[in-house]
Amino acid sequence: MIRGVRGATTVDKNEHDEIISKSLEMLQDLINLNNITAEDVVSVYFTVTADIDATFPAKSLRMVEGWTYVPVMCMREIPVPGSLEKCIRVMVTVNTGKSQKEIHHIYHYKAKKLRPDLKR
């Protein structure tokens, strides 16, 4: 079965180092809590809000050992009025035997308010 594993985080500043570190932190939690290996990943999509443009959060994926060949892309979020600012979202599509309820979606910092219903 192919499942989507979601994550989101926020940054305080539109700066390269913070974007990379917060994205990497989110990815590492998502990977570890779901026992994901690179070979099981179909693709990874990052989106960012319009106020993030200092770097591509996808660069953080290349810092994860063994993930060199995983296809990854970055896109811009729809600019919905009143939506969460300085937000980085990720969708990892992965081959897994887990049910949807067994998937751990990751929400860090101010992004926790996006899906409080998924808090474990």
C-alpha atoms as a PDB file:
ATOM      1  CA  MET A   1       0.000   0.000   0.000  1.00  0.00           C
ATOM      2  CA  ILE A   2       1.181   3.520  -0.729  1.00  0.00           C
ATOM      3  CA  ARG A   3       0.430   5.982   2.074  1.00  0.00           C
ATOM      4  CA  GLY A   4       1.006   9.687   2.517  1.00  0.00           C
ATOM      5  CA  VAL A   5       2.850  10.818   5.626  1.00  0.00           C
ATOM      6  CA  ARG A   6       2.384  14.497   6.422  1.00  0.00           C
ATOM      7  CA  GLY A   7       4.461  16.951   8.317  1.00  0.00           C
ATOM      8  CA  ALA A   8       4.596  20.676   8.924  1.00  0.00           C
ATOM      9  CA  THR A   9       6.807  23.091  10.790  1.00  0.00           C
ATOM     10  CA  THR A  10       7.357  26.809  11.018  1.00  0.00           C
ATOM     11  CA  VAL A  11      10.367  29.077  11.037  1.00  0.00           C
ATOM     12  CA  ASP A  12      10.803  32.355  12.877  1.00  0.00           C
ATOM     13  CA  LYS A  13      12.943  33.894  10.133  1.00  0.00           C
ATOM     14  CA  ASN A  14      13.274  33.462   6.402  1.00  0.00           C
ATOM     15  CA  GLU A  15      16.903  32.368   6.713  1.00  0.00           C
ATOM     16  CA  HIS A  16      18.731  29.505   5.018  1.00  0.00           C
ATOM     17  CA  ASP A  17      20.056  27.816   8.162  1.00  0.00           C
ATOM     18  CA  GLU A  18      16.754  27.894  10.037  1.00  0.00           C
ATOM     19  CA  ILE A  19      14.782  26.614   7.047  1.00  0.00           C
ATOM     20  CA  ILE A  20      17.190  23.698   6.653  1.00  0.00           C
ATOM     21  CA  SER A  21      17.418  22.857  10.364  1.00  0.00           C
ATOM     22  CA  LYS A  22      13.656  22.972  11.004  1.00  0.00           C
ATOM     23  CA  SER A  23      12.951  20.954   7.841  1.00  0.00           C
ATOM     24  CA  LEU A  24      15.557  18.359   8.800  1.00  0.00           C
ATOM     25  CA  GLU A  25      14.183  18.103  12.342  1.00  0.00           C
ATOM     26  CA  MET A  26      10.685  17.483  10.958  1.00  0.00           C
ATOM     27  CA  LEU A  27      11.943  14.902   8.456  1.00  0.00           C
ATOM     28  CA  GLN A  28      13.974  13.001  11.030  1.00  0.00           C
ATOM     29  CA  ASP A  29      10.967  12.717  13.360  1.00  0.00           C
ATOM     30  CA  LEU A  30       8.721  11.662  10.478  1.00  0.00           C
ATOM     31  CA  ILE A  31      11.244   9.030   9.318  1.00  0.00           C
ATOM     32  CA  ASN A  32      11.999   7.674  12.797  1.00  0.00           C
ATOM     33  CA  LEU A  33       8.437   7.547  14.157  1.00  0.00           C
ATOM     34  CA  ASN A  34       7.204   5.768  11.020  1.00  0.00           C
ATOM     35  CA  ASN A  35      10.248   3.514  10.493  1.00  0.00           C
ATOM     36  CA  ILE A  36      10.632   4.750   6.923  1.00  0.00           C
ATOM     37  CA  THR A  37      13.572   3.684   4.774  1.00  0.00           C
ATOM     38  CA  ALA A  38      14.591   5.532   1.624  1.00  0.00           C
ATOM     39  CA  GLU A  39      13.982   2.447  -0.513  1.00  0.00           C
ATOM     40  CA  ASP A  40      10.288   2.480   0.477  1.00  0.00           C
ATOM     41  CA  VAL A  41       9.755   6.140  -0.483  1.00  0.00           C
ATOM     42  CA  VAL A  42       8.003   6.972  -3.745  1.00  0.00           C
ATOM     43  CA  SER A  43       8.536  10.751  -3.572  1.00  0.00           C
ATOM     44  CA  VAL A  44       8.721  13.742  -1.238  1.00  0.00           C
ATOM     45  CA  TYR A  45       6.961  17.070  -1.814  1.00  0.00           C
ATOM     46  CA  PHE A  46       7.642  20.200   0.196  1.00  0.00           C
ATOM     47  CA  THR A  47       5.509  23.312   0.099  1.00  0.00           C
ATOM     48  CA  VAL A  48       6.318  26.698   1.587  1.00  0.00           C
ATOM     49  CA  THR A  49       4.292  29.800   2.239  1.00  0.00           C
ATOM     50  CA  ALA A  50       5.078  32.899   0.150  1.00  0.00           C
ATOM     51  CA  ASP A  51       7.198  34.396   2.943  1.00  0.00           C
ATOM     52  CA  ILE A  52       9.819  31.633   2.673  1.00  0.00           C
ATOM     53  CA  ASP A  53      12.282  31.970  -0.197  1.00  0.00           C
ATOM     54  CA  ALA A  54      15.791  31.975   1.316  1.00  0.00           C
ATOM     55  CA  THR A  55      16.402  28.349   0.306  1.00  0.00           C
ATOM     56  CA  PHE A  56      14.691  25.123  -0.705  1.00  0.00           C
ATOM     57  CA  PRO A  57      13.638  22.994   2.284  1.00  0.00           C
ATOM     58  CA  ALA A  58      14.198  19.958   0.045  1.00  0.00           C
ATOM     59  CA  LYS A  59      17.931  20.471   0.570  1.00  0.00           C
ATOM     60  CA  SER A  60      17.440  19.089   4.076  1.00  0.00           C
ATOM     61  CA  LEU A  61      16.494  15.694   2.635  1.00  0.00           C
ATOM     62  CA  ARG A  62      19.972  15.349   1.131  1.00  0.00           C
ATOM     63  CA  MET A  63      21.391  15.547   4.655  1.00  0.00           C
ATOM     64  CA  VAL A  64      19.666  12.290   5.606  1.00  0.00           C
ATOM     65  CA  GLU A  65      22.039   9.389   5.055  1.00  0.00           C
ATOM     66  CA  GLY A  66      20.909   7.044   2.291  1.00  0.00           C
ATOM     67  CA  TRP A  67      18.297   9.403   0.816  1.00  0.00           C
ATOM     68  CA  THR A  68      20.385  10.620  -2.153  1.00  0.00           C
ATOM     69  CA  TYR A  69      18.166   9.080  -4.836  1.00  0.00           C
ATOM     70  CA  VAL A  70      14.742   9.874  -3.366  1.00  0.00           C
ATOM     71  CA  PRO A  71      12.823  12.171  -5.753  1.00  0.00           C
ATOM     72  CA  VAL A  72      12.004  15.487  -4.076  1.00  0.00           C
ATOM     73  CA  MET A  73      10.360  18.767  -5.142  1.00  0.00           C
ATOM     74  CA  CYS A  74       9.438  22.116  -3.615  1.00  0.00           C
ATOM     75  CA  MET A  75       6.324  24.129  -4.399  1.00  0.00           C
ATOM     76  CA  ARG A  76       4.525  27.245  -3.182  1.00  0.00           C
ATOM     77  CA  GLU A  77       1.468  26.951  -0.919  1.00  0.00           C
ATOM     78  CA  ILE A  78      -1.808  28.536  -1.975  1.00  0.00           C
ATOM     79  CA  PRO A  79      -1.848  32.024  -0.376  1.00  0.00           C
ATOM     80  CA  VAL A  80      -5.064  31.688   1.618  1.00  0.00           C
ATOM     81  CA  PRO A  81      -5.836  34.869   3.612  1.00  0.00           C
ATOM     82  CA  GLY A  82      -5.253  34.362   7.336  1.00  0.00           C
ATOM     83  CA  SER A  83      -3.328  31.112   6.909  1.00  0.00           C
ATOM     84  CA  LEU A  84      -0.298  30.176   8.992  1.00  0.00           C
ATOM     85  CA  GLU A  85       2.794  32.202   8.087  1.00  0.00           C
ATOM     86  CA  LYS A  86       6.357  30.967   7.589  1.00  0.00           C
ATOM     87  CA  CYS A  87       5.158  27.392   7.252  1.00  0.00           C
ATOM     88  CA  ILE A  88       6.922  24.465   5.605  1.00  0.00           C
ATOM     89  CA  ARG A  89       4.836  21.398   4.810  1.00  0.00           C
ATOM     90  CA  VAL A  90       5.934  17.995   3.569  1.00  0.00           C
ATOM     91  CA  MET A  91       4.198  14.979   2.033  1.00  0.00           C
ATOM     92  CA  VAL A  92       6.169  11.752   1.932  1.00  0.00           C
ATOM     93  CA  THR A  93       4.568   9.004  -0.140  1.00  0.00           C
ATOM     94  CA  VAL A  94       5.787   5.656   1.070  1.00  0.00           C
ATOM     95  CA  ASN A  95       5.177   1.953   0.516  1.00  0.00           C
ATOM     96  CA  THR A  96       4.082   0.567   3.864  1.00  0.00           C
ATOM     97  CA  GLY A  97       2.042  -2.134   5.500  1.00  0.00           C
ATOM     98  CA  LYS A  98       0.774   0.312   8.127  1.00  0.00           C
ATOM     99  CA  SER A  99      -2.853   1.354   8.307  1.00  0.00           C
ATOM    100  CA  GLN A 100      -3.742   5.041   8.083  1.00  0.00           C
ATOM    101  CA  LYS A 101      -4.315   5.158  11.840  1.00  0.00           C
ATOM    102  CA  GLU A 102      -0.821   3.787  12.464  1.00  0.00           C
ATOM    103  CA  ILE A 103       0.883   6.607  10.548  1.00  0.00           C
ATOM    104  CA  HIS A 104       2.488   9.319  12.695  1.00  0.00           C
ATOM    105  CA  HIS A 105       2.042  12.725  11.068  1.00  0.00           C
ATOM    106  CA  ILE A 106       4.450  15.336  12.420  1.00  0.00           C
ATOM    107  CA  TYR A 107       3.533  18.905  13.332  1.00  0.00           C
ATOM    108  CA  HIS A 108       6.142  21.110  15.011  1.00  0.00           C
ATOM    109  CA  TYR A 109       6.140  24.602  16.514  1.00  0.00           C
ATOM    110  CA  LYS A 110       3.282  26.857  15.340  1.00  0.00           C
ATOM    111  CA  ALA A 111       2.237  24.216  12.801  1.00  0.00           C
ATOM    112  CA  LYS A 112       0.807  22.121  15.665  1.00  0.00           C
ATOM    113  CA  LYS A 113      -2.385  24.144  15.356  1.00  0.00           C
ATOM    114  CA  LEU A 114      -2.935  22.888  11.793  1.00  0.00           C
ATOM    115  CA  ARG A 115      -3.987  19.392  12.914  1.00  0.00           C
ATOM    116  CA  PRO A 116      -4.610  19.269  16.675  1.00  0.00           C
ATOM    117  CA  ASP A 117      -6.828  16.249  16.046  1.00  0.00           C
ATOM    118  CA  LEU A 118      -3.732  14.189  15.156  1.00  0.00           C
ATOM    119  CA  LYS A 119      -1.847  14.899  18.374  1.00  0.00           C
ATOM    120  CA  ARG A 120      -0.744  11.690  20.086  1.00  0.00           C
END
